[in-house]
Amino acid sequence: MDALIVGAGMSGLMAARTLRKRGYSVKIIERGRSVGGRLATRRVGEGGLADHGAQFFTVRSDTLQDYVDRWLAQDLVYVWGMGWSDGSVKRTAGDGHARYAGRGGMNALAKHIARDLDIVINRLVTGIKQDQSGWTLEDSAGDVFQSRGLIMTPPVPETLALLTKSGIYLTEADQTALRRIRFGPCLCGIHEIEGDVELPEPGAVQNFQANVYWVADNQAKGISRTVLVTSHANAKFSRQNWDAPEADIIRELESAVQPHLKDGARIVRTQLKKWRYSVPLTTHADECLLADNLPPLVFAGDAFGGRGRVEGAFLSGMAAGHALAEALA
């Protein structure tokens, strides 16, 4: 095997596609039950779908725009809106960038990108070894994989912990660069509603001054046949309340949804989802990092390139694929 990639989020998927296009054999190992990472969509009941990770994405680069144009032609994505109300009477001014969403949920886009790739899912990498020929990884099922090159796309703190546990030592410069990266958490609610909700067009409010800054109607978004609302708490509130009783967290999330319920509507049930590494707060300037003094090893993800979010992950994955290809060559 030429390359192993840990993580089947946007970065890992685009790294794999880039390497395959350049003629290299690739396998991805993903700990989750599905590909996509924070491109996450949950099924709730009969016909209910709720995006509970990334809610949309924007495009600032020509590279991603070329892909989005093809995805639009294939009806894989669509323009959900050009911006969001902050909940006040006056609509928040847009920035001119379209907000794209995945048809059938954000995870459907990840599954499209993952088509025909060699991916092992529901496997946690538990150990990493290096030698002159490259890398050997062992997973939670006891399977062993070998390759000449390796790309790590999990959140950097998790990657560093795994490398340390495995006795893989980076140079001081690489350690320092990676330890500068910081993430913010997010507490997320998926709310099943009996009745109707009323949110400003096109079905969401975004107010960064509030503890729960995001509230969105997945039915108005066009992905759910039932009324399902997603709420996201900001990084500060999420960090302060990460270990709070679940009932207290849910109460706070529901309090942000209540004002948008129409007369007679009620919240039937709320599922709590915790994203420990939701948003990169401090990023690495380059789109990926090729480790020194080791067999070919590249770090990538949304915390690279200074952009964050979906586009940052996309571009970082492509850059990592090219960087590993050059190292292997």
C-alpha atoms as a PDB file:
ATOM      1  CA  MET A   1       0.000   0.000   0.000  1.00  0.00           C
ATOM      2  CA  ASP A   2       1.369   3.419  -0.930  1.00  0.00           C
ATOM      3  CA  ALA A   3      -0.617   5.512   1.540  1.00  0.00           C
ATOM      4  CA  LEU A   4      -2.740   5.129   4.643  1.00  0.00           C
ATOM      5  CA  ILE A   5      -5.047   7.945   5.728  1.00  0.00           C
ATOM      6  CA  VAL A   6      -6.521   8.168   9.208  1.00  0.00           C
ATOM      7  CA  GLY A   7      -9.924   9.858   9.152  1.00  0.00           C
ATOM      8  CA  ALA A   8     -12.636   9.923   6.456  1.00  0.00           C
ATOM      9  CA  GLY A   9     -13.791  13.491   6.952  1.00  0.00           C
ATOM     10  CA  MET A  10     -13.529  16.011   4.144  1.00  0.00           C
ATOM     11  CA  SER A  11      -9.724  16.261   4.438  1.00  0.00           C
ATOM     12  CA  GLY A  12      -9.144  12.526   4.403  1.00  0.00           C
ATOM     13  CA  LEU A  13     -11.506  11.968   1.495  1.00  0.00           C
ATOM     14  CA  MET A  14      -9.953  14.704  -0.651  1.00  0.00           C
ATOM     15  CA  ALA A  15      -6.441  13.524   0.204  1.00  0.00           C
ATOM     16  CA  ALA A  16      -7.386  10.027  -0.941  1.00  0.00           C
ATOM     17  CA  ARG A  17      -8.917  11.276  -4.170  1.00  0.00           C
ATOM     18  CA  THR A  18      -5.850  13.415  -4.870  1.00  0.00           C
ATOM     19  CA  LEU A  19      -3.444  10.519  -4.301  1.00  0.00           C
ATOM     20  CA  ARG A  20      -5.511   8.121  -6.394  1.00  0.00           C
ATOM     21  CA  LYS A  21      -5.605  10.626  -9.235  1.00  0.00           C
ATOM     22  CA  ARG A  22      -1.812  10.662  -9.122  1.00  0.00           C
ATOM     23  CA  GLY A  23      -1.647   6.877  -9.363  1.00  0.00           C
ATOM     24  CA  TYR A  24      -1.080   5.847  -5.749  1.00  0.00           C
ATOM     25  CA  SER A  25      -2.885   3.098  -3.831  1.00  0.00           C
ATOM     26  CA  VAL A  26      -4.727   4.408  -0.771  1.00  0.00           C
ATOM     27  CA  LYS A  27      -6.689   3.049   2.184  1.00  0.00           C
ATOM     28  CA  ILE A  28      -8.604   5.157   4.726  1.00  0.00           C
ATOM     29  CA  ILE A  29      -9.234   4.045   8.311  1.00  0.00           C
ATOM     30  CA  GLU A  30     -12.246   5.755   9.915  1.00  0.00           C
ATOM     31  CA  ARG A  31     -13.317   5.340  13.536  1.00  0.00           C
ATOM     32  CA  GLY A  32     -16.942   6.402  12.947  1.00  0.00           C
ATOM     33  CA  ARG A  33     -19.801   4.347  11.597  1.00  0.00           C
ATOM     34  CA  SER A  34     -19.940   6.528   8.501  1.00  0.00           C
ATOM     35  CA  VAL A  35     -17.679   8.767   6.491  1.00  0.00           C
ATOM     36  CA  GLY A  36     -17.905  12.551   6.693  1.00  0.00           C
ATOM     37  CA  GLY A  37     -16.652  13.569  10.132  1.00  0.00           C
ATOM     38  CA  ARG A  38     -18.472  16.808  10.941  1.00  0.00           C
ATOM     39  CA  LEU A  39     -20.392  16.512   7.673  1.00  0.00           C
ATOM     40  CA  ALA A  40     -22.896  14.687   9.847  1.00  0.00           C
ATOM     41  CA  THR A  41     -26.597  14.012   9.307  1.00  0.00           C
ATOM     42  CA  ARG A  42     -28.748  12.064  11.769  1.00  0.00           C
ATOM     43  CA  ARG A  43     -31.915  10.129  10.938  1.00  0.00           C
ATOM     44  CA  VAL A  44     -34.708  10.728  13.440  1.00  0.00           C
ATOM     45  CA  GLY A  45     -37.944   8.762  13.189  1.00  0.00           C
ATOM     46  CA  GLU A  46     -39.735   8.278   9.887  1.00  0.00           C
ATOM     47  CA  GLY A  47     -38.432  10.680   7.256  1.00  0.00           C
ATOM     48  CA  GLY A  48     -36.586  12.930   9.703  1.00  0.00           C
ATOM     49  CA  LEU A  49     -33.089  14.190   8.886  1.00  0.00           C
ATOM     50  CA  ALA A  50     -31.055  16.718  10.839  1.00  0.00           C
ATOM     51  CA  ASP A  51     -27.647  18.126  10.009  1.00  0.00           C
ATOM     52  CA  HIS A  52     -25.933  18.337  13.383  1.00  0.00           C
ATOM     53  CA  GLY A  53     -22.323  19.103  12.460  1.00  0.00           C
ATOM     54  CA  ALA A  54     -21.460  21.498   9.639  1.00  0.00           C
ATOM     55  CA  GLN A  55     -24.674  23.272   8.660  1.00  0.00           C
ATOM     56  CA  PHE A  56     -23.507  24.691   5.325  1.00  0.00           C
ATOM     57  CA  PHE A  57     -20.341  25.782   3.582  1.00  0.00           C
ATOM     58  CA  THR A  58     -19.138  28.800   1.639  1.00  0.00           C
ATOM     59  CA  VAL A  59     -16.668  29.100  -1.225  1.00  0.00           C
ATOM     60  CA  ARG A  60     -13.802  31.558  -1.464  1.00  0.00           C
ATOM     61  CA  SER A  61     -11.395  29.623  -3.695  1.00  0.00           C
ATOM     62  CA  ASP A  62     -11.527  28.783  -7.393  1.00  0.00           C
ATOM     63  CA  THR A  63     -10.464  25.212  -6.593  1.00  0.00           C
ATOM     64  CA  LEU A  64     -13.521  24.448  -4.475  1.00  0.00           C
ATOM     65  CA  GLN A  65     -15.778  26.482  -6.783  1.00  0.00           C
ATOM     66  CA  ASP A  66     -14.873  24.178  -9.690  1.00  0.00           C
ATOM     67  CA  TYR A  67     -16.084  21.209  -7.651  1.00  0.00           C
ATOM     68  CA  VAL A  68     -19.185  23.024  -6.419  1.00  0.00           C
ATOM     69  CA  ASP A  69     -20.171  23.901  -9.977  1.00  0.00           C
ATOM     70  CA  ARG A  70     -20.114  20.196 -10.837  1.00  0.00           C
ATOM     71  CA  TRP A  71     -21.986  19.308  -7.657  1.00  0.00           C
ATOM     72  CA  LEU A  72     -24.652  21.884  -8.508  1.00  0.00           C
ATOM     73  CA  ALA A  73     -25.043  20.383 -11.982  1.00  0.00           C
ATOM     74  CA  GLN A  74     -25.467  16.942 -10.376  1.00  0.00           C
ATOM     75  CA  ASP A  75     -27.943  18.349  -7.806  1.00  0.00           C
ATOM     76  CA  LEU A  76     -25.703  17.175  -4.962  1.00  0.00           C
ATOM     77  CA  VAL A  77     -25.664  20.635  -3.374  1.00  0.00           C
ATOM     78  CA  TYR A  78     -27.840  23.727  -3.563  1.00  0.00           C
ATOM     79  CA  VAL A  79     -27.785  27.328  -2.394  1.00  0.00           C
ATOM     80  CA  TRP A  80     -29.615  27.409   0.928  1.00  0.00           C
ATOM     81  CA  GLY A  81     -29.266  31.159   1.389  1.00  0.00           C
ATOM     82  CA  MET A  82     -26.958  34.170   1.250  1.00  0.00           C
ATOM     83  CA  GLY A  83     -26.865  34.832   4.998  1.00  0.00           C
ATOM     84  CA  TRP A  84     -28.914  34.600   8.178  1.00  0.00           C
ATOM     85  CA  SER A  85     -30.996  36.816  10.391  1.00  0.00           C
ATOM     86  CA  ASP A  86     -29.636  37.470  13.888  1.00  0.00           C
ATOM     87  CA  GLY A  87     -33.163  37.186  15.241  1.00  0.00           C
ATOM     88  CA  SER A  88     -33.861  40.919  15.263  1.00  0.00           C
ATOM     89  CA  VAL A  89     -36.407  42.701  13.095  1.00  0.00           C
ATOM     90  CA  LYS A  90     -33.641  43.944  10.814  1.00  0.00           C
ATOM     91  CA  ARG A  91     -32.107  41.211   8.695  1.00  0.00           C
ATOM     92  CA  THR A  92     -28.371  40.748   9.110  1.00  0.00           C
ATOM     93  CA  ALA A  93     -26.485  42.012   6.071  1.00  0.00           C
ATOM     94  CA  GLY A  94     -25.048  39.236   3.911  1.00  0.00           C
ATOM     95  CA  ASP A  95     -21.432  39.090   2.771  1.00  0.00           C
ATOM     96  CA  GLY A  96     -22.235  38.120  -0.811  1.00  0.00           C
ATOM     97  CA  HIS A  97     -21.188  34.486  -0.410  1.00  0.00           C
ATOM     98  CA  ALA A  98     -23.715  31.726  -1.042  1.00  0.00           C
ATOM     99  CA  ARG A  99     -24.330  29.217   1.746  1.00  0.00           C
ATOM    100  CA  TYR A 100     -24.358  25.759   0.182  1.00  0.00           C
ATOM    101  CA  ALA A 101     -26.016  22.709   1.726  1.00  0.00           C
ATOM    102  CA  GLY A 102     -26.014  19.046   0.732  1.00  0.00           C
ATOM    103  CA  ARG A 103     -29.088  17.629  -0.947  1.00  0.00           C
ATOM    104  CA  GLY A 104     -30.407  15.064   1.520  1.00  0.00           C
ATOM    105  CA  GLY A 105     -28.088  16.337   4.244  1.00  0.00           C
ATOM    106  CA  MET A 106     -24.439  17.275   4.487  1.00  0.00           C
ATOM    107  CA  ASN A 107     -23.406  13.646   4.996  1.00  0.00           C
ATOM    108  CA  ALA A 108     -24.797  12.759   1.565  1.00  0.00           C
ATOM    109  CA  LEU A 109     -22.117  14.967  -0.005  1.00  0.00           C
ATOM    110  CA  ALA A 110     -19.402  13.174   1.992  1.00  0.00           C
ATOM    111  CA  LYS A 111     -20.724   9.809   0.831  1.00  0.00           C
ATOM    112  CA  HIS A 112     -20.602  10.996  -2.768  1.00  0.00           C
ATOM    113  CA  ILE A 113     -16.957  12.031  -2.408  1.00  0.00           C
ATOM    114  CA  ALA A 114     -16.215   8.692  -0.701  1.00  0.00           C
ATOM    115  CA  ARG A 115     -17.715   6.575  -3.480  1.00  0.00           C
ATOM    116  CA  ASP A 116     -15.411   3.751  -4.665  1.00  0.00           C
ATOM    117  CA  LEU A 117     -12.631   4.671  -2.212  1.00  0.00           C
ATOM    118  CA  ASP A 118     -11.099   1.902  -0.088  1.00  0.00           C
ATOM    119  CA  ILE A 119     -12.366   2.751   3.411  1.00  0.00           C
ATOM    120  CA  VAL A 120     -12.446   0.700   6.606  1.00  0.00           C
ATOM    121  CA  ILE A 121     -15.099   2.160   8.924  1.00  0.00           C
ATOM    122  CA  ASN A 122     -15.829   1.766  12.629  1.00  0.00           C
ATOM    123  CA  ARG A 123     -12.156   1.140  13.391  1.00  0.00           C
ATOM    124  CA  LEU A 124     -10.082   3.166  15.839  1.00  0.00           C
ATOM    125  CA  VAL A 125      -6.336   3.312  15.190  1.00  0.00           C
ATOM    126  CA  THR A 126      -4.756   2.134  18.437  1.00  0.00           C
ATOM    127  CA  GLY A 127      -1.070   2.031  17.568  1.00  0.00           C
ATOM    128  CA  ILE A 128       1.442   3.336  15.021  1.00  0.00           C
ATOM    129  CA  LYS A 129       4.930   2.047  14.264  1.00  0.00           C
ATOM    130  CA  GLN A 130       7.598   3.288  11.873  1.00  0.00           C
ATOM    131  CA  ASP A 131      10.561   1.647  10.185  1.00  0.00           C
ATOM    132  CA  GLN A 132      12.684   2.196   7.111  1.00  0.00           C
ATOM    133  CA  SER A 133       9.937   0.961   4.801  1.00  0.00           C
ATOM    134  CA  GLY A 134       7.252   3.282   6.185  1.00  0.00           C
ATOM    135  CA  TRP A 135       4.357   2.862   8.593  1.00  0.00           C
ATOM    136  CA  THR A 136       2.429   0.094  10.333  1.00  0.00           C
ATOM    137  CA  LEU A 137      -0.957   0.812  11.926  1.00  0.00           C
ATOM    138  CA  GLU A 138      -3.011  -1.437  14.184  1.00  0.00           C
ATOM    139  CA  ASP A 139      -6.723  -0.865  14.720  1.00  0.00           C
ATOM    140  CA  SER A 140      -9.275  -1.695  17.400  1.00  0.00           C
ATOM    141  CA  ALA A 141     -10.187  -4.955  15.654  1.00  0.00           C
ATOM    142  CA  GLY A 142      -6.581  -6.125  15.754  1.00  0.00           C
ATOM    143  CA  ASP A 143      -6.023  -5.692  12.011  1.00  0.00           C
ATOM    144  CA  VAL A 144      -2.660  -4.421  10.817  1.00  0.00           C
ATOM    145  CA  PHE A 145      -2.073  -2.126   7.840  1.00  0.00           C
ATOM    146  CA  GLN A 146       1.225  -1.152   6.237  1.00  0.00           C
ATOM    147  CA  SER A 147       2.113   1.672   3.870  1.00  0.00           C
ATOM    148  CA  ARG A 148       4.977   3.803   2.651  1.00  0.00           C
ATOM    149  CA  GLY A 149       3.264   7.071   3.579  1.00  0.00           C
ATOM    150  CA  LEU A 150       0.745   8.287   6.152  1.00  0.00           C
ATOM    151  CA  ILE A 151      -1.717  11.189   6.387  1.00  0.00           C
ATOM    152  CA  MET A 152      -3.268  12.072   9.748  1.00  0.00           C
ATOM    153  CA  THR A 153      -6.506  14.087   9.597  1.00  0.00           C
ATOM    154  CA  PRO A 154      -8.103  13.712  13.077  1.00  0.00           C
ATOM    155  CA  PRO A 155      -8.120  16.823  15.293  1.00  0.00           C
ATOM    156  CA  VAL A 156      -4.473  17.608  16.027  1.00  0.00           C
ATOM    157  CA  PRO A 157      -4.679  17.072  19.828  1.00  0.00           C
ATOM    158  CA  GLU A 158      -5.946  13.530  19.227  1.00  0.00           C
ATOM    159  CA  THR A 159      -3.255  12.861  16.637  1.00  0.00           C
ATOM    160  CA  LEU A 160      -0.483  14.093  18.930  1.00  0.00           C
ATOM    161  CA  ALA A 161      -1.769  11.959  21.794  1.00  0.00           C
ATOM    162  CA  LEU A 162      -1.774   8.854  19.573  1.00  0.00           C
ATOM    163  CA  LEU A 163       1.744   9.530  18.278  1.00  0.00           C
ATOM    164  CA  THR A 164       3.051  10.056  21.817  1.00  0.00           C
ATOM    165  CA  LYS A 165       1.360   6.862  23.037  1.00  0.00           C
ATOM    166  CA  SER A 166       2.914   5.005  20.088  1.00  0.00           C
ATOM    167  CA  GLY A 167       6.409   6.344  20.722  1.00  0.00           C
ATOM    168  CA  ILE A 168       6.551   8.410  17.516  1.00  0.00           C
ATOM    169  CA  TYR A 169       8.536  11.581  18.174  1.00  0.00           C
ATOM    170  CA  LEU A 170       8.321  14.701  16.028  1.00  0.00           C
ATOM    171  CA  THR A 171      10.989  17.351  15.776  1.00  0.00           C
ATOM    172  CA  GLU A 172      10.731  20.204  18.250  1.00  0.00           C
ATOM    173  CA  ALA A 173       9.731  22.604  15.441  1.00  0.00           C
ATOM    174  CA  ASP A 174       6.891  20.336  14.263  1.00  0.00           C
ATOM    175  CA  GLN A 175       5.706  19.728  17.831  1.00  0.00           C
ATOM    176  CA  THR A 176       5.639  23.458  18.528  1.00  0.00           C
ATOM    177  CA  ALA A 177       3.742  24.242  15.325  1.00  0.00           C
ATOM    178  CA  LEU A 178       1.112  21.584  15.945  1.00  0.00           C
ATOM    179  CA  ARG A 179       0.643  22.365  19.636  1.00  0.00           C
ATOM    180  CA  ARG A 180      -0.229  25.959  18.748  1.00  0.00           C
ATOM    181  CA  ILE A 181      -3.435  24.726  17.115  1.00  0.00           C
ATOM    182  CA  ARG A 182      -6.493  25.209  19.329  1.00  0.00           C
ATOM    183  CA  PHE A 183     -10.089  24.047  18.912  1.00  0.00           C
ATOM    184  CA  GLY A 184     -13.381  25.152  20.388  1.00  0.00           C
ATOM    185  CA  PRO A 185     -16.098  22.637  21.369  1.00  0.00           C
ATOM    186  CA  CYS A 186     -19.779  22.730  20.478  1.00  0.00           C
ATOM    187  CA  LEU A 187     -22.825  21.429  22.321  1.00  0.00           C
ATOM    188  CA  CYS A 188     -25.513  20.589  19.797  1.00  0.00           C
ATOM    189  CA  GLY A 189     -29.195  19.836  20.166  1.00  0.00           C
ATOM    190  CA  ILE A 190     -31.440  17.941  17.757  1.00  0.00           C
ATOM    191  CA  HIS A 191     -35.010  18.846  18.692  1.00  0.00           C
ATOM    192  CA  GLU A 192     -38.066  16.891  17.583  1.00  0.00           C
ATOM    193  CA  ILE A 193     -41.014  19.277  17.319  1.00  0.00           C
ATOM    194  CA  GLU A 194     -44.726  18.523  17.455  1.00  0.00           C
ATOM    195  CA  GLY A 195     -46.305  21.372  15.527  1.00  0.00           C
ATOM    196  CA  ASP A 196     -44.614  24.096  13.524  1.00  0.00           C
ATOM    197  CA  VAL A 197     -41.746  26.500  13.996  1.00  0.00           C
ATOM    198  CA  GLU A 198     -41.237  29.974  12.616  1.00  0.00           C
ATOM    199  CA  LEU A 199     -37.709  31.053  11.730  1.00  0.00           C
ATOM    200  CA  PRO A 200     -36.638  33.848   9.378  1.00  0.00           C
ATOM    201  CA  GLU A 201     -36.072  32.838   5.753  1.00  0.00           C
ATOM    202  CA  PRO A 202     -34.469  30.589   4.718  1.00  0.00           C
ATOM    203  CA  GLY A 203     -35.012  28.837   8.053  1.00  0.00           C
ATOM    204  CA  ALA A 204     -32.254  29.770  10.494  1.00  0.00           C
ATOM    205  CA  VAL A 205     -30.986  32.415  12.902  1.00  0.00           C
ATOM    206  CA  GLN A 206     -27.346  33.090  13.693  1.00  0.00           C
ATOM    207  CA  ASN A 207     -26.507  35.379  16.596  1.00  0.00           C
ATOM    208  CA  PHE A 208     -22.929  35.138  17.818  1.00  0.00           C
ATOM    209  CA  GLN A 209     -23.759  37.208  20.923  1.00  0.00           C
ATOM    210  CA  ALA A 210     -25.981  34.449  22.308  1.00  0.00           C
ATOM    211  CA  ASN A 211     -24.920  31.331  24.215  1.00  0.00           C
ATOM    212  CA  VAL A 212     -26.879  29.272  21.686  1.00  0.00           C
ATOM    213  CA  TYR A 213     -25.888  31.124  18.538  1.00  0.00           C
ATOM    214  CA  TRP A 214     -27.439  28.872  15.882  1.00  0.00           C
ATOM    215  CA  VAL A 215     -30.998  27.594  15.490  1.00  0.00           C
ATOM    216  CA  ALA A 216     -32.099  26.005  12.196  1.00  0.00           C
ATOM    217  CA  ASP A 217     -35.187  24.221  10.882  1.00  0.00           C
ATOM    218  CA  ASN A 218     -34.135  21.160   8.866  1.00  0.00           C
ATOM    219  CA  GLN A 219     -37.567  20.961   7.250  1.00  0.00           C
ATOM    220  CA  ALA A 220     -37.357  24.528   5.977  1.00  0.00           C
ATOM    221  CA  LYS A 221     -33.822  23.714   4.862  1.00  0.00           C
ATOM    222  CA  GLY A 222     -35.346  21.054   2.638  1.00  0.00           C
ATOM    223  CA  ILE A 223     -33.724  17.885   3.994  1.00  0.00           C
ATOM    224  CA  SER A 224     -36.306  16.618   6.509  1.00  0.00           C
ATOM    225  CA  ARG A 225     -39.916  15.538   6.032  1.00  0.00           C
ATOM    226  CA  THR A 226     -40.571  16.143   9.735  1.00  0.00           C
ATOM    227  CA  VAL A 227     -39.975  19.222  11.888  1.00  0.00           C
ATOM    228  CA  LEU A 228     -36.474  18.863  13.339  1.00  0.00           C
ATOM    229  CA  VAL A 229     -34.541  21.817  14.698  1.00  0.00           C
ATOM    230  CA  THR A 230     -30.766  21.919  15.189  1.00  0.00           C
ATOM    231  CA  SER A 231     -29.223  24.202  17.825  1.00  0.00           C
ATOM    232  CA  HIS A 232     -25.531  24.961  18.408  1.00  0.00           C
ATOM    233  CA  ALA A 233     -23.990  26.587  21.477  1.00  0.00           C
ATOM    234  CA  ASN A 234     -20.936  28.785  21.066  1.00  0.00           C
ATOM    235  CA  ALA A 235     -17.424  27.633  22.008  1.00  0.00           C
ATOM    236  CA  LYS A 236     -17.248  29.577  25.274  1.00  0.00           C
ATOM    237  CA  PHE A 237     -20.557  28.284  26.628  1.00  0.00           C
ATOM    238  CA  SER A 238     -19.790  24.763  25.377  1.00  0.00           C
ATOM    239  CA  ARG A 239     -16.412  24.718  27.111  1.00  0.00           C
ATOM    240  CA  GLN A 240     -17.826  26.025  30.391  1.00  0.00           C
ATOM    241  CA  ASN A 241     -20.700  23.543  30.384  1.00  0.00           C
ATOM    242  CA  TRP A 242     -19.077  20.514  28.766  1.00  0.00           C
ATOM    243  CA  ASP A 243     -19.329  18.412  31.924  1.00  0.00           C
ATOM    244  CA  ALA A 244     -22.600  19.895  33.184  1.00  0.00           C
ATOM    245  CA  PRO A 245     -25.569  17.537  33.701  1.00  0.00           C
ATOM    246  CA  GLU A 246     -27.140  16.649  30.371  1.00  0.00           C
ATOM    247  CA  ALA A 247     -30.540  17.905  31.525  1.00  0.00           C
ATOM    248  CA  ASP A 248     -29.075  21.363  32.233  1.00  0.00           C
ATOM    249  CA  ILE A 249     -27.430  21.567  28.809  1.00  0.00           C
ATOM    250  CA  ILE A 250     -30.613  20.476  27.065  1.00  0.00           C
ATOM    251  CA  ARG A 251     -32.611  23.044  29.020  1.00  0.00           C
ATOM    252  CA  GLU A 252     -30.357  25.834  27.742  1.00  0.00           C
ATOM    253  CA  LEU A 253     -30.501  24.580  24.144  1.00  0.00           C
ATOM    254  CA  GLU A 254     -34.281  24.249  24.278  1.00  0.00           C
ATOM    255  CA  SER A 255     -34.632  27.767  25.672  1.00  0.00           C
ATOM    256  CA  ALA A 256     -33.162  29.074  22.407  1.00  0.00           C
ATOM    257  CA  VAL A 257     -35.673  27.073  20.364  1.00  0.00           C
ATOM    258  CA  GLN A 258     -38.803  27.913  22.391  1.00  0.00           C
ATOM    259  CA  PRO A 259     -39.260  31.478  21.029  1.00  0.00           C
ATOM    260  CA  HIS A 260     -39.513  30.060  17.504  1.00  0.00           C
ATOM    261  CA  LEU A 261     -42.323  27.596  18.226  1.00  0.00           C
ATOM    262  CA  LYS A 262     -45.702  28.502  16.765  1.00  0.00           C
ATOM    263  CA  ASP A 263     -48.788  28.463  18.973  1.00  0.00           C
ATOM    264  CA  GLY A 264     -49.531  24.966  20.236  1.00  0.00           C
ATOM    265  CA  ALA A 265     -46.156  23.544  19.185  1.00  0.00           C
ATOM    266  CA  ARG A 266     -43.887  21.814  21.668  1.00  0.00           C
ATOM    267  CA  ILE A 267     -40.500  20.130  21.868  1.00  0.00           C
ATOM    268  CA  VAL A 268     -41.167  16.402  22.114  1.00  0.00           C
ATOM    269  CA  ARG A 269     -37.583  15.217  22.539  1.00  0.00           C
ATOM    270  CA  THR A 270     -34.038  16.571  22.370  1.00  0.00           C
ATOM    271  CA  GLN A 271     -30.931  14.597  21.543  1.00  0.00           C
ATOM    272  CA  LEU A 272     -27.618  16.038  22.742  1.00  0.00           C
ATOM    273  CA  LYS A 273     -24.513  15.752  20.575  1.00  0.00           C
ATOM    274  CA  LYS A 274     -21.093  16.911  21.773  1.00  0.00           C
ATOM    275  CA  TRP A 275     -18.394  18.010  19.334  1.00  0.00           C
ATOM    276  CA  ARG A 276     -15.184  18.328  21.360  1.00  0.00           C
ATOM    277  CA  TYR A 277     -13.181  19.687  18.404  1.00  0.00           C
ATOM    278  CA  SER A 278     -15.848  21.595  16.539  1.00  0.00           C
ATOM    279  CA  VAL A 279     -14.102  24.699  15.253  1.00  0.00           C
ATOM    280  CA  PRO A 280     -10.409  25.610  14.917  1.00  0.00           C
ATOM    281  CA  LEU A 281      -9.724  28.755  16.929  1.00  0.00           C
ATOM    282  CA  THR A 282      -5.976  28.914  16.227  1.00  0.00           C
ATOM    283  CA  THR A 283      -4.903  27.512  12.865  1.00  0.00           C
ATOM    284  CA  HIS A 284      -1.664  26.553  11.132  1.00  0.00           C
ATOM    285  CA  ALA A 285      -0.757  28.960   8.325  1.00  0.00           C
ATOM    286  CA  ASP A 286       0.069  26.282   5.749  1.00  0.00           C
ATOM    287  CA  GLU A 287      -2.554  23.966   4.251  1.00  0.00           C
ATOM    288  CA  CYS A 288      -0.750  20.892   5.600  1.00  0.00           C
ATOM    289  CA  LEU A 289       2.442  19.972   7.448  1.00  0.00           C
ATOM    290  CA  LEU A 290       4.980  17.410   6.217  1.00  0.00           C
ATOM    291  CA  ALA A 291       6.882  16.049   9.196  1.00  0.00           C
ATOM    292  CA  ASP A 292      10.687  16.224   9.259  1.00  0.00           C
ATOM    293  CA  ASN A 293      13.011  13.301   9.968  1.00  0.00           C
ATOM    294  CA  LEU A 294      10.340  10.602   9.631  1.00  0.00           C
ATOM    295  CA  PRO A 295       8.997   8.387   6.856  1.00  0.00           C
ATOM    296  CA  PRO A 296       6.501  10.422   4.778  1.00  0.00           C
ATOM    297  CA  LEU A 297       3.945  11.754   7.296  1.00  0.00           C
ATOM    298  CA  VAL A 298       1.541  14.625   6.595  1.00  0.00           C
ATOM    299  CA  PHE A 299      -0.869  16.378   8.948  1.00  0.00           C
ATOM    300  CA  ALA A 300      -4.058  17.892   7.521  1.00  0.00           C
ATOM    301  CA  GLY A 301      -7.540  19.067   8.463  1.00  0.00           C
ATOM    302  CA  ASP A 302      -9.687  22.146   8.865  1.00  0.00           C
ATOM    303  CA  ALA A 303      -7.143  23.639  11.274  1.00  0.00           C
ATOM    304  CA  PHE A 304      -4.638  24.072   8.426  1.00  0.00           C
ATOM    305  CA  GLY A 305      -4.506  26.919   5.920  1.00  0.00           C
ATOM    306  CA  GLY A 306      -6.076  29.574   8.124  1.00  0.00           C
ATOM    307  CA  ARG A 307      -9.587  29.145   6.708  1.00  0.00           C
ATOM    308  CA  GLY A 308     -11.240  26.671   9.052  1.00  0.00           C
ATOM    309  CA  ARG A 309     -14.544  24.975   8.349  1.00  0.00           C
ATOM    310  CA  VAL A 310     -15.448  22.886   5.294  1.00  0.00           C
ATOM    311  CA  GLU A 311     -13.456  24.747   2.652  1.00  0.00           C
ATOM    312  CA  GLY A 312     -10.337  24.674   4.804  1.00  0.00           C
ATOM    313  CA  ALA A 313     -10.678  20.920   5.259  1.00  0.00           C
ATOM    314  CA  PHE A 314     -11.242  20.430   1.526  1.00  0.00           C
ATOM    315  CA  LEU A 315      -8.171  22.412   0.475  1.00  0.00           C
ATOM    316  CA  SER A 316      -6.007  20.951   3.237  1.00  0.00           C
ATOM    317  CA  GLY A 317      -6.868  17.423   2.119  1.00  0.00           C
ATOM    318  CA  MET A 318      -5.920  18.162  -1.468  1.00  0.00           C
ATOM    319  CA  ALA A 319      -2.660  19.805  -0.354  1.00  0.00           C
ATOM    320  CA  ALA A 320      -1.842  16.829   1.872  1.00  0.00           C
ATOM    321  CA  GLY A 321      -2.441  14.432  -0.997  1.00  0.00           C
ATOM    322  CA  HIS A 322      -0.061  16.352  -3.240  1.00  0.00           C
ATOM    323  CA  ALA A 323       2.530  16.707  -0.460  1.00  0.00           C
ATOM    324  CA  LEU A 324       2.536  12.968   0.250  1.00  0.00           C
ATOM    325  CA  ALA A 325       2.671  12.153  -3.460  1.00  0.00           C
ATOM    326  CA  GLU A 326       5.768  14.310  -3.841  1.00  0.00           C
ATOM    327  CA  ALA A 327       7.363  12.723  -0.758  1.00  0.00           C
ATOM    328  CA  LEU A 328       6.673   9.216  -2.044  1.00  0.00           C
ATOM    329  CA  ALA A 329       8.068  10.111  -5.468  1.00  0.00           C
END
